[in-house]
Structure formats: structure tokens, C-alpha cells
Amino acid sequence: MKILVTGFDPFGGEPINPALEAVKGLADTINGAEIIKLEIPTVFGKSAEVVKAAMEKHHPDVVLNIGQAGGRFAISPERVAINIDDARIPDNEGNQPVDIAIQEDGAPAYFTQLPIKAMVTQMKEAGIPANVSNTAGTFVCNHIMYQVHYLIEKEYPAVKGGFIHVPYIPEQVIEKAGQPFMSLTDMTKGLTAAIEAIVLYDGKEDLKAVGGAIH
């Protein structure tokens, strides 16, 4: 099995993007799966072009995108991506689409094909806070998750796709009182456990476990 794991480049003038650094820390092989690591731009449109080129080159079985959601307490596999770009702030090239469909001929939403309940369980068993997320937002993270699933539907039906959000790292919350954080070491440990679950549950149904939210 080949798993393409992507992380966004530093955003908004930050010196690093913890999502990318956590991806860089992954082993080259996890549970027998080859891990292909890819840096992608935090840019609408261009991020999908980079991922598509990598899919054409490497022919992965799974595409797993990693991004950051500051303010979250846990590593969060995403359940769904929606067909809308609605950027509260500009991306790294100044693009700020508002209420724009990502793909005019795409589905209103795409659900991940990855075993997100098993991934959360595996991360928790590794001692890492984790939960299912039911919204990937409307910024570049949702954009790339949607674009990957659109590519899967149109061109790569045998591929599975998914997205995981990670929290802040300690250095990012020094001036953000009360914000949760996680070390890069724990992020990489959590992502490793999530990938182990992806491999373990390949061809199997996901766990039936509570992962919903009240709001």
C-alpha cells in the first residue's frame, strides 16, 4: 500500500506549519505501507494541482491531507468536505474566494472513505487526544479535502481520501492565553497511529463507535 500524506506550507507569515512538520516526522514505512510525504501550498486551486501531480506520479492507494485547526484540543479526522470556498482571510497568495463552488459539477459534499472511528480509537490507545470532526471549515483545508475527493470520483475511483486537523503547538500559544496545544512529537505519534488504523482497516468496515456532536 502507498499512502500520500500532505502538509501545508507555513501560513500567514508563521515560521513553520506544524501540520507539515508533523508529516515530516513520519516514518517512511508504517505498518508495511509506504509513506510518501508532500508539502503543498496554502493556496486555493494551486494546492489541488500539486496533489494531482503527485497522484499521477506516485499512484497512491490513499491520499491523506493534514492541516491545522488552532483552538482544537485533539487531532481530528474529518468526516466530510463541502463544495464551497468561503474564505474569512486570504490564502498565501492573497486569494479570498467568497461563496464560490469548488467544482461546478461536483457533489454538494463528499464523505471520507477512511475509517475515522478506528483512527480515533487507535490514536486514543496510543495516548493521543483525538476525536471525529464534522466540519473541515470553508478555507483551504476543506478545499483540498473536497478537491481530492472530486479527483477520486472523476479519475481515481480506486483511491481513498481523507483529511486530519491538528492543534496548535506550544510556540503558537505563548500569546494566546487559554488556547489548547500539542507537541509536534505527539502530533506525529498520533498521525502514525491513525495511519496504522488506515492500513489495518483496509478493505474492512469502520468501527461502530460514537463520534457525533451535539453542535
N, C-alpha and C. Protein backbone atom coordinates (compact mmCIF):
# COMPACT_ATOMS: atom_id res chain seq x y z
N MET A 1 0.83 -1.20 0.00
CA MET A 1 0.00 0.00 0.00
C MET A 1 0.87 1.25 0.00
N LYS A 2 0.47 2.25 -0.80
CA LYS A 2 1.13 3.56 -0.80
C LYS A 2 0.17 4.60 -0.24
N ILE A 3 0.67 5.41 0.69
CA ILE A 3 -0.14 6.47 1.27
C ILE A 3 0.56 7.79 1.05
N LEU A 4 -0.08 8.68 0.30
CA LEU A 4 0.43 10.03 0.07
C LEU A 4 -0.09 10.91 1.21
N VAL A 5 0.84 11.46 1.98
CA VAL A 5 0.47 12.30 3.13
C VAL A 5 0.97 13.71 2.87
N THR A 6 0.06 14.67 2.86
CA THR A 6 0.43 16.04 2.55
C THR A 6 0.32 16.93 3.77
N GLY A 7 1.15 17.98 3.80
CA GLY A 7 1.08 19.00 4.83
C GLY A 7 1.23 20.37 4.20
N PHE A 8 0.48 21.34 4.67
CA PHE A 8 0.54 22.69 4.11
C PHE A 8 1.81 23.42 4.50
N ASP A 9 2.25 24.30 3.59
CA ASP A 9 3.41 25.14 3.90
C ASP A 9 3.03 26.17 4.97
N PRO A 10 4.03 26.87 5.57
CA PRO A 10 3.72 27.87 6.60
C PRO A 10 2.74 28.92 6.10
N PHE A 11 1.79 29.27 6.96
CA PHE A 11 0.71 30.17 6.55
C PHE A 11 0.78 31.50 7.29
N GLY A 12 0.50 32.56 6.55
CA GLY A 12 0.34 33.87 7.16
C GLY A 12 1.56 34.41 7.86
N GLY A 13 2.74 34.09 7.36
CA GLY A 13 3.95 34.63 7.96
C GLY A 13 4.51 33.82 9.11
N GLU A 14 3.84 32.72 9.48
CA GLU A 14 4.36 31.85 10.54
C GLU A 14 5.67 31.20 10.07
N PRO A 15 6.63 30.99 10.97
CA PRO A 15 7.90 30.38 10.54
C PRO A 15 7.76 28.92 10.14
N ILE A 16 6.81 28.19 10.73
CA ILE A 16 6.59 26.79 10.38
C ILE A 16 5.09 26.51 10.38
N ASN A 17 4.70 25.44 9.73
CA ASN A 17 3.34 24.93 9.83
C ASN A 17 3.44 23.58 10.54
N PRO A 18 2.90 23.47 11.76
CA PRO A 18 3.01 22.21 12.50
C PRO A 18 2.47 21.00 11.75
N ALA A 19 1.45 21.22 10.90
CA ALA A 19 0.92 20.09 10.13
C ALA A 19 2.00 19.50 9.24
N LEU A 20 2.73 20.37 8.56
CA LEU A 20 3.81 19.91 7.68
C LEU A 20 4.94 19.29 8.47
N GLU A 21 5.31 19.90 9.59
CA GLU A 21 6.41 19.36 10.40
C GLU A 21 6.04 18.00 10.98
N ALA A 22 4.79 17.82 11.37
CA ALA A 22 4.35 16.52 11.88
C ALA A 22 4.43 15.46 10.79
N VAL A 23 4.08 15.85 9.56
CA VAL A 23 4.17 14.92 8.43
C VAL A 23 5.63 14.56 8.17
N LYS A 24 6.51 15.55 8.23
CA LYS A 24 7.94 15.28 8.00
C LYS A 24 8.49 14.27 9.01
N GLY A 25 7.90 14.25 10.20
CA GLY A 25 8.38 13.35 11.23
C GLY A 25 7.93 11.91 11.08
N LEU A 26 7.03 11.64 10.16
CA LEU A 26 6.55 10.27 9.96
C LEU A 26 7.64 9.37 9.42
N ALA A 27 7.58 8.11 9.80
CA ALA A 27 8.49 7.11 9.24
C ALA A 27 8.18 6.90 7.76
N ASP A 28 9.13 6.39 7.02
CA ASP A 28 8.93 6.14 5.60
C ASP A 28 8.05 4.91 5.34
N THR A 29 7.93 4.06 6.35
CA THR A 29 7.05 2.89 6.27
C THR A 29 6.28 2.76 7.58
N ILE A 30 4.98 2.60 7.50
CA ILE A 30 4.14 2.43 8.68
C ILE A 30 3.22 1.23 8.44
N ASN A 31 3.33 0.24 9.31
CA ASN A 31 2.50 -0.97 9.17
C ASN A 31 2.62 -1.60 7.79
N GLY A 32 3.81 -1.50 7.21
CA GLY A 32 4.04 -2.07 5.89
C GLY A 32 3.67 -1.17 4.74
N ALA A 33 3.03 -0.02 5.02
CA ALA A 33 2.63 0.90 3.96
C ALA A 33 3.75 1.90 3.68
N GLU A 34 3.99 2.18 2.41
CA GLU A 34 4.97 3.18 2.01
C GLU A 34 4.36 4.56 2.19
N ILE A 35 5.06 5.44 2.91
CA ILE A 35 4.57 6.78 3.19
C ILE A 35 5.29 7.78 2.28
N ILE A 36 4.53 8.46 1.45
CA ILE A 36 5.07 9.48 0.55
C ILE A 36 4.67 10.84 1.11
N LYS A 37 5.64 11.67 1.46
CA LYS A 37 5.37 12.95 2.12
C LYS A 37 5.45 14.09 1.10
N LEU A 38 4.50 15.00 1.20
CA LEU A 38 4.41 16.07 0.21
C LEU A 38 4.02 17.39 0.86
N GLU A 39 4.80 18.43 0.58
CA GLU A 39 4.44 19.79 1.01
C GLU A 39 3.57 20.42 -0.06
N ILE A 40 2.46 21.02 0.37
CA ILE A 40 1.57 21.67 -0.58
C ILE A 40 1.33 23.12 -0.16
N PRO A 41 1.03 24.01 -1.12
CA PRO A 41 0.84 25.42 -0.80
C PRO A 41 -0.53 25.68 -0.16
N THR A 42 -0.56 26.60 0.78
CA THR A 42 -1.82 27.01 1.38
C THR A 42 -2.48 28.02 0.45
N VAL A 43 -2.90 27.51 -0.69
CA VAL A 43 -3.43 28.35 -1.77
C VAL A 43 -4.59 27.61 -2.45
N PHE A 44 -5.72 28.30 -2.59
CA PHE A 44 -6.85 27.73 -3.31
C PHE A 44 -6.43 27.38 -4.74
N GLY A 45 -6.88 26.26 -5.22
CA GLY A 45 -6.59 25.85 -6.59
C GLY A 45 -5.21 25.24 -6.73
N LYS A 46 -4.17 25.99 -6.43
CA LYS A 46 -2.81 25.51 -6.61
C LYS A 46 -2.53 24.28 -5.75
N SER A 47 -3.08 24.24 -4.53
CA SER A 47 -2.86 23.08 -3.67
C SER A 47 -3.36 21.80 -4.34
N ALA A 48 -4.50 21.87 -5.00
CA ALA A 48 -5.05 20.70 -5.68
C ALA A 48 -4.21 20.30 -6.88
N GLU A 49 -3.65 21.28 -7.58
CA GLU A 49 -2.78 20.98 -8.72
C GLU A 49 -1.55 20.20 -8.28
N VAL A 50 -0.97 20.59 -7.15
CA VAL A 50 0.22 19.91 -6.63
C VAL A 50 -0.12 18.48 -6.21
N VAL A 51 -1.25 18.31 -5.54
CA VAL A 51 -1.64 16.97 -5.12
C VAL A 51 -1.95 16.09 -6.33
N LYS A 52 -2.65 16.63 -7.31
CA LYS A 52 -2.96 15.84 -8.50
C LYS A 52 -1.69 15.37 -9.20
N ALA A 53 -0.69 16.25 -9.32
CA ALA A 53 0.57 15.87 -9.95
C ALA A 53 1.24 14.74 -9.18
N ALA A 54 1.17 14.80 -7.85
CA ALA A 54 1.77 13.74 -7.03
C ALA A 54 1.00 12.44 -7.17
N MET A 55 -0.32 12.51 -7.30
CA MET A 55 -1.11 11.30 -7.51
C MET A 55 -0.76 10.65 -8.84
N GLU A 56 -0.58 11.46 -9.86
CA GLU A 56 -0.21 10.94 -11.18
C GLU A 56 1.18 10.30 -11.15
N LYS A 57 2.06 10.86 -10.34
CA LYS A 57 3.43 10.34 -10.27
C LYS A 57 3.54 9.08 -9.42
N HIS A 58 2.90 9.07 -8.27
CA HIS A 58 3.13 8.00 -7.29
C HIS A 58 2.04 6.92 -7.28
N HIS A 59 0.87 7.20 -7.83
CA HIS A 59 -0.24 6.24 -7.85
C HIS A 59 -0.54 5.68 -6.45
N PRO A 60 -0.86 6.58 -5.50
CA PRO A 60 -1.12 6.11 -4.14
C PRO A 60 -2.45 5.38 -4.02
N ASP A 61 -2.56 4.57 -2.98
CA ASP A 61 -3.83 3.93 -2.65
C ASP A 61 -4.68 4.83 -1.77
N VAL A 62 -4.02 5.68 -1.01
CA VAL A 62 -4.69 6.61 -0.08
C VAL A 62 -4.04 7.97 -0.19
N VAL A 63 -4.86 9.03 -0.16
CA VAL A 63 -4.35 10.39 -0.05
C VAL A 63 -4.87 10.96 1.26
N LEU A 64 -3.95 11.29 2.15
CA LEU A 64 -4.30 11.81 3.48
C LEU A 64 -3.70 13.20 3.62
N ASN A 65 -4.58 14.21 3.68
CA ASN A 65 -4.13 15.59 3.81
C ASN A 65 -4.16 16.00 5.29
N ILE A 66 -3.13 16.76 5.70
CA ILE A 66 -3.03 17.21 7.09
C ILE A 66 -3.00 18.73 7.11
N GLY A 67 -3.80 19.33 7.98
CA GLY A 67 -3.81 20.77 8.16
C GLY A 67 -3.95 21.12 9.63
N GLN A 68 -3.90 22.41 9.93
CA GLN A 68 -4.01 22.84 11.32
C GLN A 68 -5.32 23.57 11.57
N ALA A 69 -5.92 23.27 12.72
CA ALA A 69 -7.11 23.99 13.19
C ALA A 69 -6.82 24.48 14.60
N GLY A 70 -6.28 25.70 14.70
CA GLY A 70 -5.97 26.26 16.01
C GLY A 70 -7.22 26.38 16.87
N GLY A 71 -7.10 26.03 18.14
CA GLY A 71 -8.24 26.08 19.05
C GLY A 71 -8.81 24.71 19.37
N ARG A 72 -8.45 23.71 18.57
CA ARG A 72 -8.91 22.35 18.86
C ARG A 72 -8.02 21.71 19.91
N PHE A 73 -8.64 20.83 20.70
CA PHE A 73 -7.92 20.16 21.78
C PHE A 73 -7.30 18.83 21.32
N ALA A 74 -7.73 18.33 20.17
CA ALA A 74 -7.37 16.97 19.78
C ALA A 74 -7.07 16.90 18.29
N ILE A 75 -6.40 15.82 17.90
CA ILE A 75 -6.23 15.53 16.47
C ILE A 75 -7.56 15.04 15.93
N SER A 76 -8.00 15.61 14.81
CA SER A 76 -9.38 15.41 14.37
C SER A 76 -9.48 14.94 12.92
N PRO A 77 -9.70 13.66 12.69
CA PRO A 77 -10.04 13.22 11.34
C PRO A 77 -11.38 13.83 10.91
N GLU A 78 -11.44 14.32 9.68
CA GLU A 78 -12.65 14.97 9.18
C GLU A 78 -13.57 13.96 8.51
N ARG A 79 -14.86 14.14 8.76
CA ARG A 79 -15.86 13.25 8.18
C ARG A 79 -16.27 13.67 6.76
N VAL A 80 -16.32 15.00 6.50
CA VAL A 80 -16.95 15.47 5.27
C VAL A 80 -16.32 16.76 4.77
N ALA A 81 -16.29 16.94 3.46
CA ALA A 81 -15.87 18.19 2.82
C ALA A 81 -17.04 18.71 2.00
N ILE A 82 -17.28 20.03 2.04
CA ILE A 82 -18.42 20.61 1.33
C ILE A 82 -17.95 21.44 0.13
N ASN A 83 -18.84 21.58 -0.85
CA ASN A 83 -18.50 22.21 -2.12
C ASN A 83 -18.65 23.74 -2.04
N ILE A 84 -17.83 24.35 -1.20
CA ILE A 84 -17.87 25.81 -1.09
C ILE A 84 -16.53 26.35 -0.60
N ASP A 85 -16.06 27.40 -1.25
CA ASP A 85 -14.95 28.19 -0.75
C ASP A 85 -15.52 29.49 -0.21
N ASP A 86 -15.27 29.76 1.07
CA ASP A 86 -15.77 30.97 1.71
C ASP A 86 -14.71 31.42 2.71
N ALA A 87 -13.72 32.14 2.21
CA ALA A 87 -12.51 32.43 2.97
C ALA A 87 -12.68 33.67 3.85
N ARG A 88 -12.56 33.48 5.14
CA ARG A 88 -12.61 34.61 6.08
C ARG A 88 -11.38 35.48 5.96
N ILE A 89 -10.26 34.87 5.56
CA ILE A 89 -8.98 35.56 5.39
C ILE A 89 -8.36 35.11 4.07
N PRO A 90 -7.41 35.87 3.52
CA PRO A 90 -6.77 35.46 2.27
C PRO A 90 -5.84 34.28 2.47
N ASP A 91 -5.61 33.52 1.38
CA ASP A 91 -4.62 32.45 1.43
C ASP A 91 -3.22 33.04 1.25
N ASN A 92 -2.23 32.20 1.06
CA ASN A 92 -0.84 32.68 0.99
C ASN A 92 -0.53 33.49 -0.27
N GLU A 93 -1.43 33.50 -1.23
CA GLU A 93 -1.22 34.32 -2.42
C GLU A 93 -2.26 35.43 -2.53
N GLY A 94 -2.97 35.68 -1.43
CA GLY A 94 -3.92 36.78 -1.40
C GLY A 94 -5.29 36.48 -1.96
N ASN A 95 -5.55 35.22 -2.31
CA ASN A 95 -6.87 34.84 -2.83
C ASN A 95 -7.87 34.74 -1.68
N GLN A 96 -9.05 35.27 -1.88
CA GLN A 96 -10.09 35.22 -0.85
C GLN A 96 -11.46 34.98 -1.48
N PRO A 97 -11.68 33.77 -2.00
CA PRO A 97 -12.99 33.48 -2.61
C PRO A 97 -14.10 33.50 -1.56
N VAL A 98 -15.24 34.02 -1.96
CA VAL A 98 -16.40 34.10 -1.06
C VAL A 98 -17.60 33.46 -1.74
N ASP A 99 -18.14 32.44 -1.12
CA ASP A 99 -19.34 31.75 -1.62
C ASP A 99 -19.18 31.27 -3.06
N ILE A 100 -18.04 30.62 -3.32
CA ILE A 100 -17.74 30.09 -4.64
C ILE A 100 -17.74 28.56 -4.60
N ALA A 101 -18.43 27.92 -5.52
CA ALA A 101 -18.38 26.46 -5.60
C ALA A 101 -16.97 26.01 -5.98
N ILE A 102 -16.48 24.97 -5.32
CA ILE A 102 -15.15 24.46 -5.63
C ILE A 102 -15.16 23.80 -7.00
N GLN A 103 -16.19 23.00 -7.28
CA GLN A 103 -16.36 22.35 -8.58
C GLN A 103 -17.82 22.44 -8.96
N GLU A 104 -18.11 23.10 -10.09
CA GLU A 104 -19.50 23.30 -10.51
C GLU A 104 -20.22 21.97 -10.75
N ASP A 105 -19.48 20.95 -11.21
CA ASP A 105 -20.12 19.66 -11.48
C ASP A 105 -19.85 18.65 -10.38
N GLY A 106 -19.38 19.14 -9.23
CA GLY A 106 -19.11 18.24 -8.12
C GLY A 106 -20.31 18.05 -7.22
N ALA A 107 -20.23 17.04 -6.37
CA ALA A 107 -21.30 16.78 -5.41
C ALA A 107 -21.38 17.90 -4.38
N PRO A 108 -22.54 18.10 -3.73
CA PRO A 108 -22.62 19.10 -2.67
C PRO A 108 -21.61 18.85 -1.55
N ALA A 109 -21.32 17.57 -1.32
CA ALA A 109 -20.35 17.20 -0.28
C ALA A 109 -19.80 15.81 -0.59
N TYR A 110 -18.60 15.55 -0.08
CA TYR A 110 -18.00 14.22 -0.17
C TYR A 110 -17.63 13.75 1.23
N PHE A 111 -17.98 12.51 1.53
CA PHE A 111 -17.60 11.91 2.80
C PHE A 111 -16.30 11.13 2.63
N THR A 112 -15.46 11.18 3.66
CA THR A 112 -14.21 10.43 3.62
C THR A 112 -14.47 8.94 3.47
N GLN A 113 -13.55 8.25 2.81
CA GLN A 113 -13.63 6.79 2.73
C GLN A 113 -12.75 6.11 3.78
N LEU A 114 -12.12 6.91 4.63
CA LEU A 114 -11.19 6.35 5.61
C LEU A 114 -11.94 5.95 6.90
N PRO A 115 -11.37 5.01 7.65
CA PRO A 115 -12.02 4.51 8.88
C PRO A 115 -11.79 5.47 10.05
N ILE A 116 -12.51 6.59 10.05
CA ILE A 116 -12.21 7.66 11.01
C ILE A 116 -12.46 7.25 12.46
N LYS A 117 -13.43 6.39 12.70
CA LYS A 117 -13.69 5.94 14.07
C LYS A 117 -12.53 5.06 14.56
N ALA A 118 -12.06 4.18 13.69
CA ALA A 118 -10.92 3.34 14.04
C ALA A 118 -9.66 4.18 14.23
N MET A 119 -9.51 5.20 13.39
CA MET A 119 -8.35 6.09 13.51
C MET A 119 -8.35 6.80 14.86
N VAL A 120 -9.51 7.32 15.26
CA VAL A 120 -9.62 7.99 16.56
C VAL A 120 -9.32 7.01 17.69
N THR A 121 -9.88 5.82 17.60
CA THR A 121 -9.64 4.80 18.64
C THR A 121 -8.16 4.46 18.75
N GLN A 122 -7.51 4.28 17.61
CA GLN A 122 -6.09 3.92 17.60
C GLN A 122 -5.24 5.05 18.20
N MET A 123 -5.58 6.29 17.90
CA MET A 123 -4.84 7.41 18.47
C MET A 123 -5.02 7.50 19.98
N LYS A 124 -6.25 7.31 20.43
CA LYS A 124 -6.50 7.34 21.87
C LYS A 124 -5.75 6.22 22.58
N GLU A 125 -5.71 5.05 21.97
CA GLU A 125 -4.98 3.93 22.58
C GLU A 125 -3.49 4.20 22.64
N ALA A 126 -3.01 5.09 21.74
CA ALA A 126 -1.60 5.49 21.76
C ALA A 126 -1.36 6.64 22.73
N GLY A 127 -2.42 7.07 23.41
CA GLY A 127 -2.28 8.13 24.40
C GLY A 127 -2.39 9.54 23.85
N ILE A 128 -2.98 9.67 22.65
CA ILE A 128 -3.09 10.97 22.00
C ILE A 128 -4.55 11.39 21.95
N PRO A 129 -4.89 12.60 22.42
CA PRO A 129 -6.27 13.08 22.32
C PRO A 129 -6.73 13.13 20.86
N ALA A 130 -7.91 12.58 20.60
CA ALA A 130 -8.41 12.51 19.22
C ALA A 130 -9.93 12.49 19.24
N ASN A 131 -10.52 13.05 18.20
CA ASN A 131 -11.97 12.95 18.03
C ASN A 131 -12.33 13.15 16.57
N VAL A 132 -13.54 12.71 16.22
CA VAL A 132 -14.05 12.92 14.87
C VAL A 132 -14.52 14.37 14.75
N SER A 133 -14.19 15.01 13.64
CA SER A 133 -14.70 16.34 13.34
C SER A 133 -15.72 16.25 12.22
N ASN A 134 -16.79 17.02 12.35
CA ASN A 134 -17.85 17.01 11.35
C ASN A 134 -17.86 18.28 10.50
N THR A 135 -16.82 19.09 10.62
CA THR A 135 -16.67 20.24 9.73
C THR A 135 -15.20 20.54 9.50
N ALA A 136 -14.82 20.65 8.24
CA ALA A 136 -13.44 21.00 7.89
C ALA A 136 -13.31 22.48 7.60
N GLY A 137 -14.37 23.27 7.92
CA GLY A 137 -14.34 24.69 7.65
C GLY A 137 -14.67 24.99 6.20
N THR A 138 -14.30 26.21 5.76
CA THR A 138 -14.52 26.60 4.36
C THR A 138 -13.28 27.27 3.78
N PHE A 139 -12.12 26.99 4.39
CA PHE A 139 -10.86 27.58 3.92
C PHE A 139 -10.12 26.53 3.08
N VAL A 140 -8.81 26.63 3.01
CA VAL A 140 -8.04 25.77 2.10
C VAL A 140 -8.05 24.31 2.56
N CYS A 141 -8.23 24.06 3.85
CA CYS A 141 -8.29 22.67 4.33
C CYS A 141 -9.49 21.94 3.74
N ASN A 142 -10.67 22.53 3.87
CA ASN A 142 -11.86 21.94 3.25
C ASN A 142 -11.68 21.86 1.73
N HIS A 143 -11.08 22.91 1.16
CA HIS A 143 -10.86 22.97 -0.28
C HIS A 143 -10.08 21.76 -0.78
N ILE A 144 -8.96 21.45 -0.13
CA ILE A 144 -8.13 20.36 -0.62
C ILE A 144 -8.78 19.00 -0.35
N MET A 145 -9.48 18.87 0.77
CA MET A 145 -10.19 17.62 1.02
C MET A 145 -11.24 17.40 -0.06
N TYR A 146 -11.99 18.44 -0.38
CA TYR A 146 -13.01 18.32 -1.42
C TYR A 146 -12.37 18.02 -2.77
N GLN A 147 -11.32 18.74 -3.12
CA GLN A 147 -10.68 18.55 -4.43
C GLN A 147 -10.15 17.13 -4.60
N VAL A 148 -9.57 16.57 -3.54
CA VAL A 148 -9.06 15.20 -3.61
C VAL A 148 -10.22 14.23 -3.86
N HIS A 149 -11.32 14.42 -3.17
CA HIS A 149 -12.45 13.51 -3.37
C HIS A 149 -13.09 13.71 -4.74
N TYR A 150 -13.07 14.91 -5.24
CA TYR A 150 -13.55 15.16 -6.60
C TYR A 150 -12.68 14.41 -7.61
N LEU A 151 -11.36 14.48 -7.43
CA LEU A 151 -10.45 13.74 -8.30
C LEU A 151 -10.68 12.24 -8.21
N ILE A 152 -10.94 11.76 -6.99
CA ILE A 152 -11.21 10.34 -6.80
C ILE A 152 -12.46 9.94 -7.58
N GLU A 153 -13.52 10.75 -7.46
CA GLU A 153 -14.76 10.43 -8.16
C GLU A 153 -14.58 10.44 -9.68
N LYS A 154 -13.84 11.43 -10.19
CA LYS A 154 -13.75 11.62 -11.64
C LYS A 154 -12.65 10.79 -12.30
N GLU A 155 -11.51 10.59 -11.58
CA GLU A 155 -10.35 9.99 -12.24
C GLU A 155 -9.71 8.82 -11.51
N TYR A 156 -9.87 8.74 -10.19
CA TYR A 156 -9.13 7.73 -9.42
C TYR A 156 -10.07 6.96 -8.49
N PRO A 157 -11.02 6.22 -9.03
CA PRO A 157 -12.04 5.58 -8.19
C PRO A 157 -11.51 4.54 -7.22
N ALA A 158 -10.32 4.04 -7.43
CA ALA A 158 -9.76 3.03 -6.53
C ALA A 158 -9.04 3.66 -5.33
N VAL A 159 -8.84 4.97 -5.37
CA VAL A 159 -8.11 5.66 -4.30
C VAL A 159 -9.08 6.06 -3.19
N LYS A 160 -8.57 6.11 -1.96
CA LYS A 160 -9.35 6.60 -0.82
C LYS A 160 -8.73 7.91 -0.33
N GLY A 161 -9.58 8.80 0.15
CA GLY A 161 -9.08 10.10 0.59
C GLY A 161 -9.57 10.46 1.97
N GLY A 162 -8.83 11.36 2.61
CA GLY A 162 -9.23 11.83 3.93
C GLY A 162 -8.41 13.03 4.37
N PHE A 163 -8.83 13.62 5.47
CA PHE A 163 -8.17 14.82 5.99
C PHE A 163 -8.13 14.73 7.51
N ILE A 164 -7.01 15.22 8.09
CA ILE A 164 -6.87 15.29 9.54
C ILE A 164 -6.42 16.70 9.92
N HIS A 165 -7.09 17.27 10.94
CA HIS A 165 -6.66 18.55 11.51
C HIS A 165 -5.86 18.30 12.80
N VAL A 166 -4.82 19.10 12.99
CA VAL A 166 -4.03 19.04 14.22
C VAL A 166 -4.13 20.38 14.95
N PRO A 167 -3.88 20.40 16.28
CA PRO A 167 -3.98 21.64 17.06
C PRO A 167 -2.76 22.55 16.89
N TYR A 168 -2.74 23.62 17.70
CA TYR A 168 -1.55 24.45 17.82
C TYR A 168 -0.42 23.65 18.47
N ILE A 169 0.82 24.11 18.27
CA ILE A 169 1.96 23.65 19.06
C ILE A 169 2.22 24.69 20.15
N PRO A 170 3.00 24.36 21.21
CA PRO A 170 3.20 25.30 22.32
C PRO A 170 3.69 26.67 21.89
N GLU A 171 4.60 26.72 20.92
CA GLU A 171 5.16 28.01 20.50
C GLU A 171 4.11 28.96 19.94
N GLN A 172 3.00 28.41 19.46
CA GLN A 172 1.97 29.24 18.85
C GLN A 172 0.99 29.84 19.85
N VAL A 173 1.01 29.37 21.09
CA VAL A 173 0.01 29.83 22.07
C VAL A 173 0.63 30.67 23.19
N ILE A 174 1.89 31.05 23.05
CA ILE A 174 2.55 31.85 24.08
C ILE A 174 1.77 33.14 24.33
N GLU A 175 1.27 33.74 23.27
CA GLU A 175 0.48 34.97 23.40
C GLU A 175 -1.02 34.72 23.23
N LYS A 176 -1.43 33.45 23.31
CA LYS A 176 -2.84 33.10 23.16
C LYS A 176 -3.30 32.38 24.42
N ALA A 177 -3.59 33.14 25.45
CA ALA A 177 -3.96 32.56 26.74
C ALA A 177 -5.18 31.67 26.63
N GLY A 178 -5.08 30.48 27.24
CA GLY A 178 -6.21 29.57 27.30
C GLY A 178 -6.41 28.69 26.08
N GLN A 179 -5.53 28.82 25.08
CA GLN A 179 -5.67 28.01 23.88
C GLN A 179 -5.00 26.65 24.06
N PRO A 180 -5.65 25.57 23.61
CA PRO A 180 -5.04 24.24 23.71
C PRO A 180 -3.90 24.08 22.73
N PHE A 181 -3.02 23.11 23.04
CA PHE A 181 -1.87 22.86 22.18
C PHE A 181 -1.42 21.43 22.32
N MET A 182 -0.51 21.02 21.43
CA MET A 182 0.04 19.67 21.44
C MET A 182 1.45 19.74 20.88
N SER A 183 2.35 18.93 21.39
CA SER A 183 3.72 18.93 20.90
C SER A 183 3.79 18.29 19.51
N LEU A 184 4.79 18.68 18.75
CA LEU A 184 5.00 18.07 17.44
C LEU A 184 5.23 16.57 17.56
N THR A 185 5.95 16.16 18.60
CA THR A 185 6.22 14.73 18.81
C THR A 185 4.91 13.96 18.95
N ASP A 186 3.98 14.52 19.74
CA ASP A 186 2.69 13.84 19.93
C ASP A 186 1.85 13.89 18.66
N MET A 187 1.95 14.98 17.90
CA MET A 187 1.22 15.04 16.63
C MET A 187 1.68 13.92 15.69
N THR A 188 2.98 13.76 15.56
CA THR A 188 3.50 12.71 14.69
C THR A 188 3.12 11.34 15.21
N LYS A 189 3.14 11.17 16.53
CA LYS A 189 2.73 9.90 17.13
C LYS A 189 1.26 9.62 16.81
N GLY A 190 0.43 10.65 16.91
CA GLY A 190 -0.98 10.49 16.61
C GLY A 190 -1.23 10.17 15.15
N LEU A 191 -0.56 10.88 14.26
CA LEU A 191 -0.72 10.61 12.83
C LEU A 191 -0.25 9.21 12.49
N THR A 192 0.82 8.77 13.13
CA THR A 192 1.30 7.40 12.91
C THR A 192 0.24 6.38 13.30
N ALA A 193 -0.39 6.60 14.46
CA ALA A 193 -1.44 5.68 14.92
C ALA A 193 -2.63 5.70 13.97
N ALA A 194 -2.98 6.89 13.47
CA ALA A 194 -4.10 6.99 12.53
C ALA A 194 -3.79 6.22 11.24
N ILE A 195 -2.58 6.33 10.76
CA ILE A 195 -2.19 5.62 9.54
C ILE A 195 -2.16 4.11 9.79
N GLU A 196 -1.73 3.71 10.98
CA GLU A 196 -1.78 2.28 11.32
C GLU A 196 -3.20 1.74 11.20
N ALA A 197 -4.17 2.55 11.65
CA ALA A 197 -5.57 2.13 11.55
C ALA A 197 -6.04 2.08 10.10
N ILE A 198 -5.58 3.02 9.29
CA ILE A 198 -5.95 3.01 7.86
C ILE A 198 -5.49 1.71 7.21
N VAL A 199 -4.27 1.30 7.52
CA VAL A 199 -3.74 0.06 6.95
C VAL A 199 -4.50 -1.15 7.51
N LEU A 200 -4.71 -1.15 8.81
CA LEU A 200 -5.36 -2.28 9.47
C LEU A 200 -6.79 -2.50 8.97
N TYR A 201 -7.47 -1.40 8.67
CA TYR A 201 -8.88 -1.49 8.27
C TYR A 201 -9.06 -1.43 6.75
N ASP A 202 -7.99 -1.57 6.01
CA ASP A 202 -8.11 -1.58 4.55
C ASP A 202 -9.01 -2.74 4.12
N GLY A 203 -10.07 -2.42 3.40
CA GLY A 203 -11.00 -3.44 2.95
C GLY A 203 -12.00 -3.88 3.99
N LYS A 204 -12.00 -3.24 5.16
CA LYS A 204 -12.92 -3.60 6.23
C LYS A 204 -13.84 -2.41 6.53
N GLU A 205 -14.96 -2.69 7.20
CA GLU A 205 -15.84 -1.64 7.67
C GLU A 205 -15.24 -0.93 8.86
N ASP A 206 -15.53 0.35 8.97
CA ASP A 206 -15.06 1.13 10.11
C ASP A 206 -15.71 0.63 11.39
N LEU A 207 -15.11 0.97 12.52
CA LEU A 207 -15.70 0.67 13.82
C LEU A 207 -17.05 1.36 13.96
N LYS A 208 -17.96 0.74 14.68
CA LYS A 208 -19.20 1.39 15.06
C LYS A 208 -18.99 1.96 16.46
N ALA A 209 -18.70 3.24 16.52
CA ALA A 209 -18.42 3.89 17.78
C ALA A 209 -18.98 5.30 17.75
N VAL A 210 -19.30 5.83 18.92
CA VAL A 210 -19.84 7.18 18.99
C VAL A 210 -18.79 8.18 18.52
N GLY A 211 -19.19 9.05 17.58
CA GLY A 211 -18.27 10.07 17.10
C GLY A 211 -19.01 11.33 16.67
N GLY A 212 -20.30 11.40 17.02
CA GLY A 212 -21.11 12.54 16.65
C GLY A 212 -20.91 13.72 17.58
N ALA A 213 -21.59 14.81 17.27
CA ALA A 213 -21.51 16.02 18.08
C ALA A 213 -22.90 16.61 18.23
N ILE A 214 -23.14 17.28 19.35
CA ILE A 214 -24.44 17.92 19.58
C ILE A 214 -24.56 19.19 18.77
N HIS A 215 -23.43 19.89 18.60
CA HIS A 215 -23.45 21.12 17.80
C HIS A 215 -22.08 21.37 17.22
